[in-house]
Amino acid sequence: MKRWWLIAVYLLALLVMLPAKIIYWLPIPAQVSISQVSGSLWQGRIGSLQAQGVTLNDVQWDWQLLQLFTGEVAVDVRVPPQNNPLAVNGRISAGLTELAATDLRASGDLATLLQLANTRLPLKTQGNWNLSIDTFVVSDPSPAKWCNQLTGSANGRNIQVLVNGAWQSLGDFPVALGCTESGAVTLTMNGENSLALAMQGDINSQDINISGTVRPNPRTPEGLAQMFQYLGQPDSQGRYRFSL
């Protein structure tokens, strides 16, 4: 029995000391390119990573060895804000049937996020965003099941839209994140913003259900307020309803 333990420790030590450049041998997707890999497989960095036309510099990882004794693997991931269009810092772990994230923080500029998501907005938009996830857990994930537990928030900061050739400042748009019993991610916005935008929604890879209201108010740029009429007739409180 002791001999098997020694073999296991030896193999683990060998794995820890493997150079990070072994990544070059892995089947990397065609749309992803990496360079300047250094460190070990267990604790290393990628000098430059490109995906969807976005370049990230100094991507770092650190696998948590002790987590193996609990029957799961865990890695701390960090993308520093310096010289990057977005920053990431947090821990991701996985067991046989479960994926989790703890104290995950991310932030960046809105243009990069829209580019990575391959999403276009009706009006040209700029600004920043941040994401804060305290706890995320999903067991047996599937296209329809994105979470079992999710506690966190997202925020669009200093958002501006281009209306009639001029940039209009809209301010911040905080969103609370949660999880439905069926495993979809929920989005909740309470309406305390320059558009009085309030919404409820849930999302998974198979379906998007979002409904809400907007209402012109003294904080709404005039050029944008005039565009609300294309949403139909307002209700008795001046709110325009929408759904996706």
Protein backbone atom coordinates (compact mmCIF):
# COMPACT_ATOMS: atom_id res chain seq x y z
CA MET A 1 0.00 0.00 0.00
CA LYS A 2 2.84 2.34 0.89
CA ARG A 3 4.42 1.73 -2.51
CA TRP A 4 1.23 2.85 -4.27
CA TRP A 5 1.20 6.04 -2.24
CA LEU A 6 4.79 6.76 -3.26
CA ILE A 7 3.93 6.18 -6.92
CA ALA A 8 0.92 8.50 -6.64
CA VAL A 9 3.01 11.24 -5.01
CA TYR A 10 5.70 10.84 -7.68
CA LEU A 11 3.18 11.11 -10.52
CA LEU A 12 1.57 14.15 -8.90
CA ALA A 13 4.95 15.84 -8.48
CA LEU A 14 5.75 15.07 -12.12
CA LEU A 15 2.47 16.64 -13.20
CA VAL A 16 3.10 19.75 -11.12
CA MET A 17 6.54 20.28 -12.64
CA LEU A 18 5.48 19.81 -16.27
CA PRO A 19 6.22 22.98 -18.25
CA ALA A 20 3.24 25.12 -19.17
CA LYS A 21 4.33 25.00 -22.81
CA ILE A 22 2.69 21.57 -23.01
CA ILE A 23 -0.43 23.66 -23.74
CA TYR A 24 0.87 24.05 -27.29
CA TRP A 25 0.26 20.32 -27.80
CA LEU A 26 -3.39 20.54 -26.76
CA PRO A 27 -6.24 20.82 -29.33
CA ILE A 28 -6.81 24.59 -29.15
CA PRO A 29 -9.88 25.89 -31.07
CA ALA A 30 -9.05 27.42 -34.44
CA GLN A 31 -10.39 30.86 -33.42
CA VAL A 32 -8.08 30.97 -30.37
CA SER A 33 -4.34 31.65 -30.48
CA ILE A 34 -1.80 31.79 -27.64
CA SER A 35 1.84 32.80 -27.35
CA GLN A 36 4.57 33.49 -24.77
CA VAL A 37 3.57 30.62 -22.47
CA SER A 38 5.73 30.29 -19.35
CA GLY A 39 5.79 28.68 -15.91
CA SER A 40 4.53 25.20 -15.10
CA LEU A 41 1.34 23.40 -16.01
CA TRP A 42 0.27 23.88 -12.41
CA GLN A 43 1.15 27.57 -12.11
CA GLY A 44 1.80 29.52 -15.27
CA ARG A 45 0.92 32.37 -17.58
CA ILE A 46 0.05 33.08 -21.19
CA GLY A 47 1.68 36.26 -22.43
CA SER A 48 -0.91 36.80 -25.15
CA LEU A 49 -4.26 35.13 -25.83
CA GLN A 50 -6.46 36.07 -28.79
CA ALA A 51 -10.11 35.10 -29.26
CA GLN A 52 -12.94 36.69 -31.27
CA GLY A 53 -10.57 39.46 -32.29
CA VAL A 54 -9.88 40.37 -28.64
CA THR A 55 -6.36 40.17 -27.19
CA LEU A 56 -5.74 39.45 -23.50
CA ASN A 57 -2.26 39.88 -22.02
CA ASP A 58 -0.62 38.16 -19.04
CA VAL A 59 -3.34 35.54 -18.41
CA GLN A 60 -2.38 33.69 -15.21
CA TRP A 61 -3.53 30.46 -13.56
CA ASP A 62 -2.75 28.65 -10.32
CA TRP A 63 -4.21 25.17 -9.67
CA GLN A 64 -5.04 24.49 -6.01
CA LEU A 65 -3.29 21.24 -5.10
CA LEU A 66 -5.08 20.66 -1.80
CA GLN A 67 -8.48 20.68 -3.49
CA LEU A 68 -7.61 17.34 -5.10
CA PHE A 69 -7.97 15.68 -1.69
CA THR A 70 -11.61 16.84 -1.55
CA GLY A 71 -12.41 15.13 -4.84
CA GLU A 72 -12.46 18.23 -7.02
CA VAL A 73 -10.10 20.40 -9.05
CA ALA A 74 -9.87 24.15 -8.53
CA VAL A 75 -7.94 26.88 -10.30
CA ASP A 76 -7.42 30.55 -9.53
CA VAL A 77 -7.56 32.62 -12.71
CA ARG A 78 -6.34 36.19 -13.11
CA VAL A 79 -6.30 38.62 -16.01
CA PRO A 80 -4.90 41.94 -14.71
CA PRO A 81 -6.54 45.24 -15.71
CA GLN A 82 -3.26 46.70 -16.95
CA ASN A 83 -2.96 46.60 -20.77
CA ASN A 84 -6.20 44.60 -21.10
CA PRO A 85 -9.71 45.42 -22.35
CA LEU A 86 -11.12 43.34 -19.49
CA ALA A 87 -9.97 41.99 -16.13
CA VAL A 88 -10.84 38.73 -14.36
CA ASN A 89 -10.00 37.43 -10.89
CA GLY A 90 -11.55 34.44 -9.12
CA ARG A 91 -11.64 30.72 -8.43
CA ILE A 92 -13.29 28.08 -10.60
CA SER A 93 -13.72 24.51 -9.37
CA ALA A 94 -15.18 21.30 -10.73
CA GLY A 95 -16.15 17.87 -9.41
CA LEU A 96 -17.51 14.81 -11.15
CA THR A 97 -20.88 16.43 -11.89
CA GLU A 98 -20.56 19.97 -10.55
CA LEU A 99 -19.04 23.25 -11.69
CA ALA A 100 -18.64 26.21 -9.34
CA ALA A 101 -17.15 29.69 -9.09
CA THR A 102 -16.32 31.62 -5.92
CA ASP A 103 -15.55 35.32 -5.43
CA LEU A 104 -15.34 35.88 -9.18
CA ARG A 105 -14.83 39.48 -10.26
CA ALA A 106 -14.65 40.77 -13.82
CA SER A 107 -14.74 44.18 -15.46
CA GLY A 108 -13.97 45.87 -18.75
CA ASP A 109 -15.21 48.09 -21.55
CA LEU A 110 -18.60 47.43 -23.11
CA ALA A 111 -17.34 47.26 -26.70
CA THR A 112 -15.12 44.26 -25.90
CA LEU A 113 -17.94 42.46 -24.10
CA LEU A 114 -20.31 42.94 -27.05
CA GLN A 115 -17.60 41.74 -29.43
CA LEU A 116 -16.97 38.56 -27.43
CA ALA A 117 -20.72 37.90 -27.22
CA ASN A 118 -21.13 38.65 -30.93
CA THR A 119 -23.97 41.04 -30.05
CA ARG A 120 -25.13 44.26 -31.72
CA LEU A 121 -27.29 46.88 -30.00
CA PRO A 122 -29.88 49.04 -31.82
CA LEU A 123 -27.90 52.20 -30.99
CA LYS A 124 -24.15 52.64 -30.90
CA THR A 125 -23.24 52.29 -27.24
CA GLN A 126 -20.12 52.75 -25.15
CA GLY A 127 -19.20 52.51 -21.48
CA ASN A 128 -17.88 50.03 -18.95
CA TRP A 129 -19.19 47.04 -17.01
CA ASN A 130 -18.37 44.97 -13.97
CA LEU A 131 -19.51 41.55 -12.76
CA SER A 132 -19.41 40.29 -9.19
CA ILE A 133 -20.28 36.66 -8.45
CA ASP A 134 -20.10 35.60 -4.81
CA THR A 135 -21.38 32.06 -5.37
CA PHE A 136 -22.16 30.06 -8.49
CA VAL A 137 -22.94 26.34 -8.59
CA VAL A 138 -24.35 24.14 -11.35
CA SER A 139 -24.66 20.35 -11.21
CA ASP A 140 -25.21 18.27 -14.33
CA PRO A 141 -25.14 21.38 -16.57
CA SER A 142 -27.03 21.32 -19.85
CA PRO A 143 -28.19 23.86 -22.49
CA ALA A 144 -31.36 24.43 -20.45
CA LYS A 145 -29.70 24.29 -17.03
CA TRP A 146 -27.17 27.00 -16.29
CA CYS A 147 -27.23 27.13 -12.50
CA ASN A 148 -28.41 25.61 -9.24
CA GLN A 149 -27.27 28.54 -7.13
CA LEU A 150 -26.20 32.04 -8.13
CA THR A 151 -25.60 35.09 -5.99
CA GLY A 152 -24.16 38.11 -7.71
CA SER A 153 -24.64 41.34 -9.60
CA ALA A 154 -23.65 43.11 -12.79
CA ASN A 155 -23.47 46.79 -13.58
CA GLY A 156 -23.23 48.84 -16.76
CA ARG A 157 -21.26 51.95 -15.79
CA ASN A 158 -21.07 55.36 -17.45
CA ILE A 159 -23.18 54.14 -20.37
CA GLN A 160 -23.51 56.44 -23.38
CA VAL A 161 -25.51 56.08 -26.61
CA LEU A 162 -25.13 57.88 -29.92
CA VAL A 163 -28.37 59.74 -30.80
CA ASN A 164 -28.60 62.11 -33.78
CA GLY A 165 -24.82 62.28 -34.03
CA ALA A 166 -24.28 63.21 -30.36
CA TRP A 167 -23.27 61.03 -27.41
CA GLN A 168 -25.91 61.01 -24.67
CA SER A 169 -24.91 60.04 -21.13
CA LEU A 170 -27.22 57.52 -19.43
CA GLY A 171 -25.26 56.74 -16.26
CA ASP A 172 -25.27 53.36 -14.51
CA PHE A 173 -27.54 50.32 -14.87
CA PRO A 174 -27.21 47.81 -11.99
CA VAL A 175 -28.62 44.29 -12.42
CA ALA A 176 -29.14 41.62 -9.74
CA LEU A 177 -28.36 38.02 -10.75
CA GLY A 178 -30.04 34.87 -9.47
CA CYS A 179 -31.21 31.41 -10.44
CA THR A 180 -34.63 29.88 -11.11
CA GLU A 181 -35.72 26.45 -9.89
CA SER A 182 -35.44 25.20 -13.47
CA GLY A 183 -31.82 26.34 -13.70
CA ALA A 184 -32.07 29.53 -15.77
CA VAL A 185 -30.13 32.67 -14.83
CA THR A 186 -32.40 35.50 -13.66
CA LEU A 187 -31.86 39.22 -14.32
CA THR A 188 -33.58 41.92 -12.26
CA MET A 189 -33.34 45.69 -12.74
CA ASN A 190 -35.31 47.88 -10.34
CA GLY A 191 -35.81 50.97 -12.52
CA GLU A 192 -33.56 53.34 -10.57
CA ASN A 193 -31.73 54.67 -13.62
CA SER A 194 -31.93 57.46 -16.20
CA LEU A 195 -34.46 55.57 -18.36
CA ALA A 196 -36.55 54.30 -15.43
CA LEU A 197 -35.76 50.93 -17.03
CA ALA A 198 -37.19 48.10 -14.92
CA MET A 199 -37.11 44.49 -16.04
CA GLN A 200 -37.34 40.84 -15.06
CA GLY A 201 -35.92 38.05 -17.15
CA ASP A 202 -34.41 34.60 -17.30
CA ILE A 203 -31.85 33.22 -19.73
CA ASN A 204 -30.39 29.90 -20.79
CA SER A 205 -28.88 28.79 -24.10
CA GLN A 206 -32.28 27.63 -25.38
CA ASP A 207 -34.51 30.54 -24.42
CA ILE A 208 -34.52 34.22 -23.45
CA ASN A 209 -37.52 35.72 -21.64
CA ILE A 210 -37.24 39.38 -20.69
CA SER A 211 -40.03 41.86 -20.03
CA GLY A 212 -40.06 45.31 -18.55
CA THR A 213 -40.86 48.99 -18.87
CA VAL A 214 -39.12 52.28 -19.63
CA ARG A 215 -40.44 55.73 -18.79
CA PRO A 216 -39.11 59.13 -19.89
CA ASN A 217 -38.13 61.25 -16.90
CA PRO A 218 -36.06 64.38 -16.22
CA ARG A 219 -32.85 62.30 -16.35
CA THR A 220 -33.63 60.91 -19.83
CA PRO A 221 -31.82 62.64 -22.73
CA GLU A 222 -34.41 64.38 -24.93
CA GLY A 223 -33.30 62.76 -28.18
CA LEU A 224 -33.62 59.30 -26.68
CA ALA A 225 -36.96 60.03 -24.98
CA GLN A 226 -38.47 60.85 -28.37
CA MET A 227 -37.55 57.39 -29.62
CA PHE A 228 -39.70 55.67 -26.98
CA GLN A 229 -42.79 56.35 -29.08
CA TYR A 230 -41.74 53.52 -31.39
CA LEU A 231 -42.45 51.10 -28.52
CA GLY A 232 -46.18 51.84 -28.78
CA GLN A 233 -48.56 53.67 -26.48
CA PRO A 234 -47.57 54.38 -22.85
CA ASP A 235 -49.73 53.20 -19.98
CA SER A 236 -51.47 55.48 -17.48
CA GLN A 237 -48.17 55.99 -15.64
CA GLY A 238 -46.27 56.94 -18.79
CA ARG A 239 -44.41 53.63 -19.02
CA TYR A 240 -43.64 51.91 -22.31
CA ARG A 241 -43.72 48.13 -22.11
CA PHE A 242 -41.44 45.75 -23.99
CA SER A 243 -40.66 42.04 -24.09
CA LEU A 244 -38.04 39.82 -25.70
